Structures are given as structure tokens and as C-alpha cells.
């Protein structure tokens, strides 16, 4: 299996624990998600199978060729980057596959919001929503009300963020963008472990529905082979000769 599935193995757990995170809780969350998404769990209750089935239905039946994973929590940025590799490398084969993209909202609403709202209707969104923040910050009072924001006084920043999320999802649905919402109770090691295992399990199911092998990456090996040949790596002599002749002919 490709390295993209190695987050919950020693390869991934070592740097995670060096970063100061509790890998015992991370693995505990993954184990609990494994039970919730096993083959013995009925489809109606198996969230990994349902996510895989819905996204493939949107792709095959509704022509939705791009999936945008969106979050309103900056700490999920690199989770989304990993998700892009997981699904892109696992599904993009045999001239098939949903194109995986990611946006950090509300930041990317300024750069991508217009296209998502009114661009080509080939997209759907998967929104990762964190229910409870780790900190509770309140908007202060401004005596001069220079920005006209005193109506927010005393409100939690997370409450405003949640309304931005809800408003965005409603607007995008009204604009013809199907939305899948993944709710995470809190942003901690336990629920991150659940989220990682959920995406990995759903990815395997999704690839098999699409009738591709979700666990190899032949396209990645193709560029590596060319790179090694161009760099004259030992053992690639015949490939180096062939690619040099090809480039000379094209020039």
C-alpha cells in the first residue's frame, strides 16, 4: 500500500509523537472508527461506506468531477493536504477519478468563492465542521464602533465562524453545489484519529466502487522513472539513452 495510508503506522506515528501529540488517543480514535465502519455494520449506519457511495454517485450520475474539501478551522489545513494526496493518488487511474481540491474558509472565499458560487457546475463540497472550539474568545466592545461591529459584542468568535460556515453552505447549495458535511465533535487526537481512519476506509471503498485499485500509484512511478533516467541514475542506462534520443528528435 502507498505511503499515503501510513499515517497510523510507525512511519506516521513517530513524527506525530515527536510533535508532542498523544498517539495513544490518536490510535484509540482510529480503532473506534474501525469498529463503526467494519463490514458487519449495516450500510445505513456505516458512515465511510455512505460517504464513498454518495461521492461516487455524484461523480458517475450527476457529472460532479471535482470535490472540494473545505474547512473553517485553520488547523485542518494540512489534514486537507493529506486528503488530496490520499484521494488523488488512490482514485486517479484508468482515465477515471474525482479531482480532489481543498479550500481553507473563510480565507479562500475571497479567491475561490466566486468560482464555487457561479462557475462550472462540475463540483461538490465536503465540509469538515468542528463542533466545539478548544478556546472560547469573545468579541470586545469598541467605544467608537469604528467598524460598526459592536453588534457582535459578547458573541463567541466561534459562533460567528459557525454562522459564516452555515451561510456559505446555504449559498453554495442554492448555487447548485451539493454539500456533504462531516461533523467532528472537537479538534483533538482522538477525533483526528477517527477522521484519518474514516477517510482511509472510505477511500478504499470509493476506489473499488470506481473499479480501480486504490492502493497502487503507477502514474507516480512513471515520472520517477523519467526523472531517474534524466539524472543518469545507475541502473537506468537504457532508459537514459531512450529518453535522450527522444528529446533530441523532438528538438
Protein backbone atom coordinates (compact mmCIF):
# COMPACT_ATOMS: atom_id res chain seq x y z
CA UNK A 1 0.00 0.00 0.00
CA UNK A 2 1.16 3.51 -0.75
CA UNK A 3 2.68 5.76 1.89
CA UNK A 4 -0.43 7.91 1.94
CA UNK A 5 -2.04 5.16 4.06
CA UNK A 6 0.83 5.14 6.57
CA UNK A 7 -0.34 7.86 8.96
CA UNK A 8 -1.44 5.34 11.58
CA UNK A 9 1.66 3.15 11.23
CA UNK A 10 5.02 3.73 12.99
CA UNK A 11 6.08 5.79 9.94
CA UNK A 12 3.41 8.37 10.73
CA UNK A 13 3.15 7.95 14.47
CA UNK A 14 6.82 8.67 15.19
CA UNK A 15 6.83 12.28 13.88
CA UNK A 16 3.39 12.83 15.39
CA UNK A 17 4.61 11.88 18.85
CA UNK A 18 7.79 13.96 18.40
CA UNK A 19 5.47 16.89 17.69
CA UNK A 20 4.02 16.39 21.15
CA UNK A 21 0.68 14.78 20.31
CA UNK A 22 -0.86 11.85 22.17
CA UNK A 23 -0.63 8.95 19.72
CA UNK A 24 -2.34 6.59 22.18
CA UNK A 25 -5.51 8.67 21.89
CA UNK A 26 -5.00 9.02 18.13
CA UNK A 27 -4.88 5.25 17.66
CA UNK A 28 -7.77 4.79 20.09
CA UNK A 29 -9.90 7.04 17.91
CA UNK A 30 -8.88 5.12 14.80
CA UNK A 31 -9.75 1.80 16.44
CA UNK A 32 -13.19 3.06 17.41
CA UNK A 33 -13.79 4.27 13.86
CA UNK A 34 -12.67 0.86 12.57
CA UNK A 35 -15.47 -0.72 14.59
CA UNK A 36 -18.00 1.82 13.33
CA UNK A 37 -17.08 1.20 9.68
CA UNK A 38 -16.47 -2.55 9.62
CA UNK A 39 -18.14 -4.73 7.01
CA UNK A 40 -20.51 -6.01 9.69
CA UNK A 41 -22.04 -2.56 10.17
CA UNK A 42 -25.20 -2.05 8.03
CA UNK A 43 -24.82 0.44 5.19
CA UNK A 44 -27.34 2.80 6.79
CA UNK A 45 -25.03 3.20 9.79
CA UNK A 46 -21.65 2.86 8.06
CA UNK A 47 -20.54 6.44 7.51
CA UNK A 48 -17.44 5.50 5.48
CA UNK A 49 -19.46 3.40 3.04
CA UNK A 50 -22.13 6.09 2.76
CA UNK A 51 -19.57 8.83 2.07
CA UNK A 52 -17.91 6.68 -0.59
CA UNK A 53 -21.23 5.81 -2.22
CA UNK A 54 -22.54 9.40 -2.25
CA UNK A 55 -19.37 10.88 -3.78
CA UNK A 56 -19.27 8.18 -6.46
CA UNK A 57 -22.95 8.74 -7.25
CA UNK A 58 -22.29 12.47 -7.63
CA UNK A 59 -19.39 11.63 -9.96
CA UNK A 60 -20.98 8.90 -12.09
CA UNK A 61 -24.61 10.04 -12.16
CA UNK A 62 -24.52 13.81 -11.67
CA UNK A 63 -21.30 14.64 -13.53
CA UNK A 64 -19.57 16.17 -10.49
CA UNK A 65 -15.90 15.72 -11.37
CA UNK A 66 -14.31 17.90 -8.65
CA UNK A 67 -14.58 17.50 -4.89
CA UNK A 68 -13.60 20.46 -2.73
CA UNK A 69 -12.83 19.64 0.88
CA UNK A 70 -13.49 22.82 2.86
CA UNK A 71 -12.88 23.68 6.48
CA UNK A 72 -13.37 26.72 8.69
CA UNK A 73 -10.57 25.74 11.08
CA UNK A 74 -7.02 26.73 10.03
CA UNK A 75 -5.50 23.81 11.95
CA UNK A 76 -7.10 21.44 9.44
CA UNK A 77 -5.08 22.86 6.53
CA UNK A 78 -2.55 20.05 6.41
CA UNK A 79 -5.21 17.42 7.04
CA UNK A 80 -6.77 18.63 3.79
CA UNK A 81 -3.39 18.50 2.04
CA UNK A 82 -3.03 14.85 3.10
CA UNK A 83 -6.60 14.18 1.97
CA UNK A 84 -5.75 15.50 -1.50
CA UNK A 85 -2.88 13.04 -1.83
CA UNK A 86 -4.91 10.18 -0.39
CA UNK A 87 -7.76 10.53 -2.87
CA UNK A 88 -5.82 11.84 -5.85
CA UNK A 89 -3.23 9.08 -5.77
CA UNK A 90 -5.76 6.38 -4.97
CA UNK A 91 -8.52 7.17 -7.48
CA UNK A 92 -6.86 8.92 -10.42
CA UNK A 93 -6.36 5.91 -12.69
CA UNK A 94 -7.61 4.41 -15.95
CA UNK A 95 -8.78 7.87 -17.08
CA UNK A 96 -11.14 7.99 -14.10
CA UNK A 97 -11.29 9.79 -10.79
CA UNK A 98 -12.75 12.76 -8.95
CA UNK A 99 -10.28 15.65 -8.88
CA UNK A 100 -9.50 16.46 -5.20
CA UNK A 101 -9.17 20.12 -4.21
CA UNK A 102 -9.12 21.85 -0.83
CA UNK A 103 -10.03 25.29 0.47
CA UNK A 104 -9.48 26.99 3.83
CA UNK A 105 -12.52 29.12 4.54
CA UNK A 106 -13.13 31.90 5.10
CA UNK A 107 -9.70 32.85 3.68
CA UNK A 108 -10.20 31.15 0.32
CA UNK A 109 -13.72 32.53 -0.09
CA UNK A 110 -12.01 35.71 -1.28
CA UNK A 111 -10.13 33.85 -4.01
CA UNK A 112 -12.39 30.88 -4.80
CA UNK A 113 -15.84 31.90 -3.57
CA UNK A 114 -17.00 33.45 -6.84
CA UNK A 115 -15.98 30.41 -8.90
CA UNK A 116 -17.57 27.99 -6.43
CA UNK A 117 -20.78 30.04 -6.34
CA UNK A 118 -21.27 30.69 -10.04
CA UNK A 119 -18.64 28.77 -12.02
CA UNK A 120 -18.95 25.49 -13.89
CA UNK A 121 -21.34 23.17 -12.06
CA UNK A 122 -18.91 20.26 -12.01
CA UNK A 123 -18.15 20.44 -8.29
CA UNK A 124 -19.38 19.29 -4.92
CA UNK A 125 -18.14 20.17 -1.44
CA UNK A 126 -17.25 18.13 1.60
CA UNK A 127 -17.19 20.43 4.62
CA UNK A 128 -15.29 19.34 7.75
CA UNK A 129 -17.06 21.06 10.62
CA UNK A 130 -15.62 21.21 14.15
CA UNK A 131 -18.43 21.45 16.70
CA UNK A 132 -16.63 22.74 19.82
CA UNK A 133 -13.57 25.03 19.79
CA UNK A 134 -10.61 24.46 22.08
CA UNK A 135 -10.78 28.08 23.25
CA UNK A 136 -13.66 30.47 23.88
CA UNK A 137 -12.88 34.03 22.80
CA UNK A 138 -15.44 36.85 22.87
CA UNK A 139 -15.72 39.94 20.70
CA UNK A 140 -14.92 43.06 22.76
CA UNK A 141 -16.74 46.39 22.89
CA UNK A 142 -15.37 49.31 20.86
CA UNK A 143 -16.41 52.67 22.33
CA UNK A 144 -16.15 54.39 18.95
CA UNK A 145 -17.62 51.45 16.99
CA UNK A 146 -15.31 52.39 14.10
CA UNK A 147 -16.03 49.23 12.12
CA UNK A 148 -19.72 49.07 13.03
CA UNK A 149 -19.15 45.67 14.63
CA UNK A 150 -20.46 46.31 18.14
CA UNK A 151 -23.46 44.14 17.28
CA UNK A 152 -21.04 41.24 17.73
CA UNK A 153 -20.07 42.31 21.26
CA UNK A 154 -20.09 39.39 23.68
CA UNK A 155 -20.50 36.79 20.96
CA UNK A 156 -18.02 33.95 20.72
CA UNK A 157 -15.67 34.14 17.75
CA UNK A 158 -16.52 30.51 17.07
CA UNK A 159 -20.23 31.40 16.94
CA UNK A 160 -19.53 33.96 14.22
CA UNK A 161 -17.35 31.43 12.42
CA UNK A 162 -20.18 28.87 12.58
CA UNK A 163 -22.61 31.36 11.05
CA UNK A 164 -20.08 32.05 8.29
CA UNK A 165 -19.90 28.30 7.68
CA UNK A 166 -23.67 27.86 7.63
CA UNK A 167 -24.18 30.91 5.43
CA UNK A 168 -21.56 29.68 2.99
CA UNK A 169 -23.01 26.18 2.79
CA UNK A 170 -26.52 27.54 2.20
CA UNK A 171 -25.28 29.90 -0.52
CA UNK A 172 -23.32 27.15 -2.28
CA UNK A 173 -26.24 24.72 -2.17
CA UNK A 174 -28.50 27.44 -3.57
CA UNK A 175 -25.88 27.92 -6.28
CA UNK A 176 -26.07 24.26 -7.31
CA UNK A 177 -23.15 22.83 -5.32
CA UNK A 178 -24.07 19.62 -3.42
CA UNK A 179 -22.69 19.61 0.11
CA UNK A 180 -21.55 16.76 2.36
CA UNK A 181 -20.97 17.75 5.98
CA UNK A 182 -18.58 15.79 8.19
CA UNK A 183 -19.06 16.77 11.82
CA UNK A 184 -16.11 16.45 14.22
CA UNK A 185 -17.08 16.95 17.91
CA UNK A 186 -13.74 18.56 18.85
CA UNK A 187 -10.26 19.04 17.46
CA UNK A 188 -8.14 16.65 19.49
CA UNK A 189 -6.08 13.49 18.96
CA UNK A 190 -8.98 11.10 19.49
CA UNK A 191 -11.22 12.65 16.86
CA UNK A 192 -8.32 13.24 14.46
CA UNK A 193 -7.61 9.50 14.68
CA UNK A 194 -11.25 8.86 13.82
CA UNK A 195 -11.11 11.29 10.91
CA UNK A 196 -7.92 9.77 9.48
CA UNK A 197 -9.25 6.22 9.61
CA UNK A 198 -12.64 7.34 8.24
CA UNK A 199 -11.04 8.92 5.17
CA UNK A 200 -8.72 5.96 4.58
CA UNK A 201 -11.54 3.42 4.81
CA UNK A 202 -13.85 5.48 2.62
CA UNK A 203 -11.08 5.95 0.07
CA UNK A 204 -10.60 2.21 -0.32
CA UNK A 205 -14.34 1.65 -0.73
CA UNK A 206 -14.64 4.56 -3.18
CA UNK A 207 -11.83 3.25 -5.39
CA UNK A 208 -13.34 -0.22 -5.52
CA UNK A 209 -16.75 1.23 -6.45
CA UNK A 210 -14.96 3.06 -9.27
CA UNK A 211 -13.29 -0.23 -10.27
CA UNK A 212 -9.70 0.95 -9.83
CA UNK A 213 -7.02 -0.31 -7.45
CA UNK A 214 -6.95 2.34 -4.70
CA UNK A 215 -3.71 1.04 -3.21
CA UNK A 216 -1.17 1.47 -6.03
CA UNK A 217 0.23 4.54 -7.82
CA UNK A 218 1.55 3.60 -11.31
CA UNK A 219 1.36 7.21 -12.55
CA UNK A 220 3.72 8.39 -9.82
CA UNK A 221 6.22 5.70 -10.78
CA UNK A 222 6.14 6.92 -14.40
CA UNK A 223 7.51 10.38 -13.60
CA UNK A 224 10.05 8.92 -11.18
CA UNK A 225 11.36 6.63 -13.92
CA UNK A 226 11.79 9.59 -16.29
CA UNK A 227 13.48 11.69 -13.60
CA UNK A 228 15.99 8.94 -12.75
CA UNK A 229 16.72 8.43 -16.43
CA UNK A 230 17.34 12.16 -16.97
CA UNK A 231 19.64 12.21 -13.93
CA UNK A 232 21.57 9.16 -15.23
CA UNK A 233 20.91 7.10 -12.12
CA UNK A 234 22.87 3.82 -12.16
CA UNK A 235 20.66 1.01 -13.42
CA UNK A 236 18.73 3.31 -15.74
CA UNK A 237 21.23 3.32 -18.61
CA UNK A 238 18.80 2.06 -21.27
CA UNK A 239 16.07 4.44 -20.11
CA UNK A 240 18.56 7.34 -20.15
CA UNK A 241 19.58 6.52 -23.70
CA UNK A 242 15.98 6.20 -24.88
CA UNK A 243 14.82 9.46 -23.30
CA UNK A 244 17.86 11.36 -24.63
CA UNK A 245 17.15 10.12 -28.17
CA UNK A 246 13.52 11.11 -27.80
CA UNK A 247 14.37 14.63 -26.65
CA UNK A 248 16.91 15.07 -29.47
CA UNK A 249 14.27 14.11 -32.04
CA UNK A 250 11.72 16.49 -30.56
CA UNK A 251 14.24 19.34 -30.61
